[in-house]
Amino acid sequence: MKSVSGKELARAAERDGWQLLRVHGSHHIYGKSGSVVRLSIPIRGNRPLKVGLLGHLLKRAGLKANDLE
């Protein structure tokens, strides 16, 4: 899996219908209508997300790795 920053993941989530609900520090909290799932995406400049966190967020969002491109 390629390295992806929080900004890139947030853009991919927004393309998939996720909406920014609030910001708490460096964490942007996203929600989707009709879903109880909340995504907490850390936005720390262009630092890449760690592989485990990226995999977890992709799974919770229902996204695939090729959706990031």
PDB file of N, CA and C in Angstrom:
ATOM      1  N   MET A   1       0.850  -1.177   0.000  1.00  0.00           N
ATOM      2  CA  MET A   1       0.000   0.000   0.000  1.00  0.00           C
ATOM      3  C   MET A   1       0.894   1.237   0.000  1.00  0.00           C
ATOM      4  N   LYS A   2       0.567   2.195  -0.848  1.00  0.00           N
ATOM      5  CA  LYS A   2       1.403   3.392  -0.924  1.00  0.00           C
ATOM      6  C   LYS A   2       1.147   4.310   0.269  1.00  0.00           C
ATOM      7  N   SER A   3       2.115   5.159   0.579  1.00  0.00           N
ATOM      8  CA  SER A   3       1.944   6.069   1.705  1.00  0.00           C
ATOM      9  C   SER A   3       0.990   7.192   1.306  1.00  0.00           C
ATOM     10  N   VAL A   4       0.086   7.512   2.221  1.00  0.00           N
ATOM     11  CA  VAL A   4      -0.955   8.502   1.969  1.00  0.00           C
ATOM     12  C   VAL A   4      -1.003   9.436   3.175  1.00  0.00           C
ATOM     13  N   SER A   5      -1.121  10.727   2.914  1.00  0.00           N
ATOM     14  CA  SER A   5      -1.237  11.677   4.012  1.00  0.00           C
ATOM     15  C   SER A   5      -2.700  11.763   4.456  1.00  0.00           C
ATOM     16  N   GLY A   6      -2.914  12.374   5.604  1.00  0.00           N
ATOM     17  CA  GLY A   6      -4.273  12.558   6.103  1.00  0.00           C
ATOM     18  C   GLY A   6      -5.098  13.428   5.169  1.00  0.00           C
ATOM     19  N   LYS A   7      -4.457  14.437   4.555  1.00  0.00           N
ATOM     20  CA  LYS A   7      -5.159  15.316   3.619  1.00  0.00           C
ATOM     21  C   LYS A   7      -5.692  14.527   2.424  1.00  0.00           C
ATOM     22  N   GLU A   8      -4.866  13.633   1.892  1.00  0.00           N
ATOM     23  CA  GLU A   8      -5.279  12.835   0.731  1.00  0.00           C
ATOM     24  C   GLU A   8      -6.415  11.889   1.091  1.00  0.00           C
ATOM     25  N   LEU A   9      -6.357  11.294   2.277  1.00  0.00           N
ATOM     26  CA  LEU A   9      -7.422  10.401   2.708  1.00  0.00           C
ATOM     27  C   LEU A   9      -8.715  11.187   2.926  1.00  0.00           C
ATOM     28  N   ALA A  10      -8.610  12.379   3.480  1.00  0.00           N
ATOM     29  CA  ALA A  10      -9.801  13.207   3.698  1.00  0.00           C
ATOM     30  C   ALA A  10     -10.450  13.573   2.360  1.00  0.00           C
ATOM     31  N   ARG A  11      -9.647  13.899   1.355  1.00  0.00           N
ATOM     32  CA  ARG A  11     -10.203  14.220   0.022  1.00  0.00           C
ATOM     33  C   ARG A  11     -10.924  13.015  -0.570  1.00  0.00           C
ATOM     34  N   ALA A  12     -10.345  11.830  -0.420  1.00  0.00           N
ATOM     35  CA  ALA A  12     -10.970  10.609  -0.939  1.00  0.00           C
ATOM     36  C   ALA A  12     -12.282  10.329  -0.205  1.00  0.00           C
ATOM     37  N   ALA A  13     -12.308  10.550   1.095  1.00  0.00           N
ATOM     38  CA  ALA A  13     -13.528  10.328   1.873  1.00  0.00           C
ATOM     39  C   ALA A  13     -14.618  11.310   1.445  1.00  0.00           C
ATOM     40  N   GLU A  14     -14.239  12.568   1.199  1.00  0.00           N
ATOM     41  CA  GLU A  14     -15.220  13.561   0.762  1.00  0.00           C
ATOM     42  C   GLU A  14     -15.779  13.222  -0.617  1.00  0.00           C
ATOM     43  N   ARG A  15     -14.942  12.671  -1.491  1.00  0.00           N
ATOM     44  CA  ARG A  15     -15.436  12.249  -2.811  1.00  0.00           C
ATOM     45  C   ARG A  15     -16.453  11.113  -2.682  1.00  0.00           C
ATOM     46  N   ASP A  16     -16.329  10.325  -1.618  1.00  0.00           N
ATOM     47  CA  ASP A  16     -17.223   9.189  -1.402  1.00  0.00           C
ATOM     48  C   ASP A  16     -18.474   9.574  -0.605  1.00  0.00           C
ATOM     49  N   GLY A  17     -18.648  10.838  -0.278  1.00  0.00           N
ATOM     50  CA  GLY A  17     -19.861  11.283   0.401  1.00  0.00           C
ATOM     51  C   GLY A  17     -19.721  11.580   1.881  1.00  0.00           C
ATOM     52  N   TRP A  18     -18.529  11.435   2.432  1.00  0.00           N
ATOM     53  CA  TRP A  18     -18.305  11.760   3.839  1.00  0.00           C
ATOM     54  C   TRP A  18     -18.256  13.268   3.997  1.00  0.00           C
ATOM     55  N   GLN A  19     -18.802  13.786   5.089  1.00  0.00           N
ATOM     56  CA  GLN A  19     -18.835  15.225   5.339  1.00  0.00           C
ATOM     57  C   GLN A  19     -18.084  15.549   6.621  1.00  0.00           C
ATOM     58  N   LEU A  20     -17.371  16.666   6.594  1.00  0.00           N
ATOM     59  CA  LEU A  20     -16.640  17.120   7.773  1.00  0.00           C
ATOM     60  C   LEU A  20     -17.644  17.612   8.805  1.00  0.00           C
ATOM     61  N   LEU A  21     -17.619  17.016   9.990  1.00  0.00           N
ATOM     62  CA  LEU A  21     -18.539  17.401  11.056  1.00  0.00           C
ATOM     63  C   LEU A  21     -17.916  18.416  12.002  1.00  0.00           C
ATOM     64  N   ARG A  22     -16.670  18.161  12.381  1.00  0.00           N
ATOM     65  CA  ARG A  22     -15.993  19.075  13.305  1.00  0.00           C
ATOM     66  C   ARG A  22     -14.492  18.815  13.255  1.00  0.00           C
ATOM     67  N   VAL A  23     -13.750  19.727  13.845  1.00  0.00           N
ATOM     68  CA  VAL A  23     -12.295  19.583  13.937  1.00  0.00           C
ATOM     69  C   VAL A  23     -11.923  19.690  15.406  1.00  0.00           C
ATOM     70  N   HIS A  24     -11.148  18.742  15.878  1.00  0.00           N
ATOM     71  CA  HIS A  24     -10.683  18.754  17.258  1.00  0.00           C
ATOM     72  C   HIS A  24      -9.167  18.630  17.224  1.00  0.00           C
ATOM     73  N   GLY A  25      -8.494  19.757  17.310  1.00  0.00           N
ATOM     74  CA  GLY A  25      -7.039  19.763  17.194  1.00  0.00           C
ATOM     75  C   GLY A  25      -6.629  19.423  15.772  1.00  0.00           C
ATOM     76  N   SER A  26      -5.804  18.397  15.617  1.00  0.00           N
ATOM     77  CA  SER A  26      -5.371  18.005  14.274  1.00  0.00           C
ATOM     78  C   SER A  26      -6.263  16.913  13.687  1.00  0.00           C
ATOM     79  N   HIS A  27      -7.291  16.485  14.424  1.00  0.00           N
ATOM     80  CA  HIS A  27      -8.166  15.417  13.960  1.00  0.00           C
ATOM     81  C   HIS A  27      -9.449  15.980  13.350  1.00  0.00           C
ATOM     82  N   HIS A  28      -9.706  15.597  12.119  1.00  0.00           N
ATOM     83  CA  HIS A  28     -10.924  15.997  11.432  1.00  0.00           C
ATOM     84  C   HIS A  28     -11.908  14.835  11.535  1.00  0.00           C
ATOM     85  N   ILE A  29     -13.097  15.115  12.051  1.00  0.00           N
ATOM     86  CA  ILE A  29     -14.102  14.088  12.290  1.00  0.00           C
ATOM     87  C   ILE A  29     -15.109  14.134  11.150  1.00  0.00           C
ATOM     88  N   TYR A  30     -15.254  12.992  10.460  1.00  0.00           N
ATOM     89  CA  TYR A  30     -16.151  12.886   9.316  1.00  0.00           C
ATOM     90  C   TYR A  30     -17.301  11.947   9.634  1.00  0.00           C
ATOM     91  N   GLY A  31     -18.469  12.261   9.059  1.00  0.00           N
ATOM     92  CA  GLY A  31     -19.635  11.416   9.185  1.00  0.00           C
ATOM     93  C   GLY A  31     -20.331  11.309   7.845  1.00  0.00           C
ATOM     94  N   LYS A  32     -21.191  10.313   7.729  1.00  0.00           N
ATOM     95  CA  LYS A  32     -21.926  10.087   6.491  1.00  0.00           C
ATOM     96  C   LYS A  32     -23.383   9.872   6.860  1.00  0.00           C
ATOM     97  N   SER A  33     -24.293  10.505   6.146  1.00  0.00           N
ATOM     98  CA  SER A  33     -25.703  10.364   6.470  1.00  0.00           C
ATOM     99  C   SER A  33     -26.123   8.908   6.299  1.00  0.00           C
ATOM    100  N   GLY A  34     -26.922   8.426   7.248  1.00  0.00           N
ATOM    101  CA  GLY A  34     -27.368   7.051   7.220  1.00  0.00           C
ATOM    102  C   GLY A  34     -26.382   6.071   7.827  1.00  0.00           C
ATOM    103  N   SER A  35     -25.305   6.563   8.403  1.00  0.00           N
ATOM    104  CA  SER A  35     -24.282   5.704   8.987  1.00  0.00           C
ATOM    105  C   SER A  35     -23.929   6.207  10.384  1.00  0.00           C
ATOM    106  N   VAL A  36     -23.707   5.298  11.307  1.00  0.00           N
ATOM    107  CA  VAL A  36     -23.308   5.681  12.661  1.00  0.00           C
ATOM    108  C   VAL A  36     -21.784   5.759  12.789  1.00  0.00           C
ATOM    109  N   VAL A  37     -21.075   5.382  11.745  1.00  0.00           N
ATOM    110  CA  VAL A  37     -19.604   5.374  11.752  1.00  0.00           C
ATOM    111  C   VAL A  37     -19.079   6.804  11.695  1.00  0.00           C
ATOM    112  N   ARG A  38     -18.054   7.076  12.485  1.00  0.00           N
ATOM    113  CA  ARG A  38     -17.347   8.348  12.454  1.00  0.00           C
ATOM    114  C   ARG A  38     -15.888   8.060  12.140  1.00  0.00           C
ATOM    115  N   LEU A  39     -15.324   8.860  11.260  1.00  0.00           N
ATOM    116  CA  LEU A  39     -13.907   8.734  10.920  1.00  0.00           C
ATOM    117  C   LEU A  39     -13.146   9.870  11.574  1.00  0.00           C
ATOM    118  N   SER A  40     -12.103   9.561  12.284  1.00  0.00           N
ATOM    119  CA  SER A  40     -11.237  10.564  12.881  1.00  0.00           C
ATOM    120  C   SER A  40      -9.910  10.518  12.126  1.00  0.00           C
ATOM    121  N   ILE A  41      -9.761  11.440  11.185  1.00  0.00           N
ATOM    122  CA  ILE A  41      -8.579  11.449  10.320  1.00  0.00           C
ATOM    123  C   ILE A  41      -7.593  12.498  10.823  1.00  0.00           C
ATOM    124  N   PRO A  42      -6.389  12.086  11.229  1.00  0.00           N
ATOM    125  CA  PRO A  42      -5.394  13.061  11.666  1.00  0.00           C
ATOM    126  C   PRO A  42      -4.788  13.794  10.464  1.00  0.00           C
ATOM    127  N   ILE A  43      -4.863  15.114  10.485  1.00  0.00           N
ATOM    128  CA  ILE A  43      -4.296  15.942   9.417  1.00  0.00           C
ATOM    129  C   ILE A  43      -3.065  16.624  10.004  1.00  0.00           C
ATOM    130  N   ARG A  44      -1.904  16.123   9.662  1.00  0.00           N
ATOM    131  CA  ARG A  44      -0.650  16.674  10.196  1.00  0.00           C
ATOM    132  C   ARG A  44       0.259  17.035   9.035  1.00  0.00           C
ATOM    133  N   GLY A  45      -0.115  18.101   8.343  1.00  0.00           N
ATOM    134  CA  GLY A  45       0.670  18.513   7.188  1.00  0.00           C
ATOM    135  C   GLY A  45       0.622  17.439   6.124  1.00  0.00           C
ATOM    136  N   ASN A  46       1.756  17.128   5.561  1.00  0.00           N
ATOM    137  CA  ASN A  46       1.824  16.085   4.537  1.00  0.00           C
ATOM    138  C   ASN A  46       2.498  14.814   5.054  1.00  0.00           C
ATOM    139  N   ARG A  47       2.519  14.647   6.389  1.00  0.00           N
ATOM    140  CA  ARG A  47       3.098  13.431   6.958  1.00  0.00           C
ATOM    141  C   ARG A  47       2.222  12.242   6.604  1.00  0.00           C
ATOM    142  N   PRO A  48       2.820  11.160   6.149  1.00  0.00           N
ATOM    143  CA  PRO A  48       2.013   9.986   5.782  1.00  0.00           C
ATOM    144  C   PRO A  48       1.430   9.301   7.015  1.00  0.00           C
ATOM    145  N   LEU A  49       0.252   8.712   6.826  1.00  0.00           N
ATOM    146  CA  LEU A  49      -0.371   7.923   7.883  1.00  0.00           C
ATOM    147  C   LEU A  49       0.349   6.582   7.977  1.00  0.00           C
ATOM    148  N   LYS A  50       0.390   6.020   9.151  1.00  0.00           N
ATOM    149  CA  LYS A  50       0.999   4.700   9.315  1.00  0.00           C
ATOM    150  C   LYS A  50       0.090   3.661   8.670  1.00  0.00           C
ATOM    151  N   VAL A  51       0.672   2.575   8.239  1.00  0.00           N
ATOM    152  CA  VAL A  51      -0.037   1.557   7.456  1.00  0.00           C
ATOM    153  C   VAL A  51      -1.232   0.987   8.210  1.00  0.00           C
ATOM    154  N   GLY A  52      -1.065   0.691   9.490  1.00  0.00           N
ATOM    155  CA  GLY A  52      -2.152   0.117  10.271  1.00  0.00           C
ATOM    156  C   GLY A  52      -3.331   1.064  10.402  1.00  0.00           C
ATOM    157  N   LEU A  53      -3.056   2.337  10.678  1.00  0.00           N
ATOM    158  CA  LEU A  53      -4.108   3.338  10.801  1.00  0.00           C
ATOM    159  C   LEU A  53      -4.801   3.556   9.469  1.00  0.00           C
ATOM    160  N   LEU A  54      -4.033   3.614   8.401  1.00  0.00           N
ATOM    161  CA  LEU A  54      -4.613   3.796   7.073  1.00  0.00           C
ATOM    162  C   LEU A  54      -5.544   2.640   6.731  1.00  0.00           C
ATOM    163  N   GLY A  55      -5.111   1.417   6.991  1.00  0.00           N
ATOM    164  CA  GLY A  55      -5.947   0.256   6.726  1.00  0.00           C
ATOM    165  C   GLY A  55      -7.235   0.283   7.535  1.00  0.00           C
ATOM    166  N   HIS A  56      -7.125   0.672   8.797  1.00  0.00           N
ATOM    167  CA  HIS A  56      -8.294   0.746   9.668  1.00  0.00           C
ATOM    168  C   HIS A  56      -9.294   1.788   9.165  1.00  0.00           C
ATOM    169  N   LEU A  57      -8.794   2.967   8.812  1.00  0.00           N
ATOM    170  CA  LEU A  57      -9.684   4.038   8.337  1.00  0.00           C
ATOM    171  C   LEU A  57     -10.331   3.674   7.002  1.00  0.00           C
ATOM    172  N   LEU A  58      -9.573   3.042   6.112  1.00  0.00           N
ATOM    173  CA  LEU A  58     -10.147   2.619   4.839  1.00  0.00           C
ATOM    174  C   LEU A  58     -11.272   1.604   5.055  1.00  0.00           C
ATOM    175  N   LYS A  59     -11.049   0.670   5.965  1.00  0.00           N
ATOM    176  CA  LYS A  59     -12.053  -0.355   6.246  1.00  0.00           C
ATOM    177  C   LYS A  59     -13.311   0.278   6.838  1.00  0.00           C
ATOM    178  N   ARG A  60     -13.143   1.193   7.788  1.00  0.00           N
ATOM    179  CA  ARG A  60     -14.296   1.853   8.417  1.00  0.00           C
ATOM    180  C   ARG A  60     -15.065   2.704   7.419  1.00  0.00           C
ATOM    181  N   ALA A  61     -14.353   3.320   6.465  1.00  0.00           N
ATOM    182  CA  ALA A  61     -14.997   4.186   5.475  1.00  0.00           C
ATOM    183  C   ALA A  61     -15.597   3.400   4.326  1.00  0.00           C
ATOM    184  N   GLY A  62     -15.228   2.129   4.208  1.00  0.00           N
ATOM    185  CA  GLY A  62     -15.719   1.331   3.091  1.00  0.00           C
ATOM    186  C   GLY A  62     -15.026   1.676   1.788  1.00  0.00           C
ATOM    187  N   LEU A  63     -13.774   2.136   1.892  1.00  0.00           N
ATOM    188  CA  LEU A  63     -12.991   2.509   0.714  1.00  0.00           C
ATOM    189  C   LEU A  63     -11.965   1.426   0.413  1.00  0.00           C
ATOM    190  N   LYS A  64     -11.482   1.418  -0.803  1.00  0.00           N
ATOM    191  CA  LYS A  64     -10.403   0.521  -1.216  1.00  0.00           C
ATOM    192  C   LYS A  64      -9.152   1.354  -1.465  1.00  0.00           C
ATOM    193  N   ALA A  65      -8.006   0.704  -1.515  1.00  0.00           N
ATOM    194  CA  ALA A  65      -6.746   1.418  -1.732  1.00  0.00           C
ATOM    195  C   ALA A  65      -6.728   2.132  -3.070  1.00  0.00           C
ATOM    196  N   ASN A  66      -7.388   1.569  -4.089  1.00  0.00           N
ATOM    197  CA  ASN A  66      -7.390   2.235  -5.402  1.00  0.00           C
ATOM    198  C   ASN A  66      -8.326   3.441  -5.438  1.00  0.00           C
ATOM    199  N   ASP A  67      -9.170   3.645  -4.419  1.00  0.00           N
ATOM    200  CA  ASP A  67     -10.016   4.841  -4.328  1.00  0.00           C
ATOM    201  C   ASP A  67      -9.198   6.079  -3.967  1.00  0.00           C
ATOM    202  N   LEU A  68      -7.973   5.868  -3.502  1.00  0.00           N
ATOM    203  CA  LEU A  68      -7.137   6.987  -3.074  1.00  0.00           C
ATOM    204  C   LEU A  68      -6.483   7.700  -4.245  1.00  0.00           C
ATOM    205  N   GLU A  69      -6.532   7.127  -5.421  1.00  0.00           N
ATOM    206  CA  GLU A  69      -5.839   7.719  -6.560  1.00  0.00           C
ATOM    207  C   GLU A  69      -6.702   8.705  -7.289  1.00  0.00           C
TER     208      GLU A  69
END
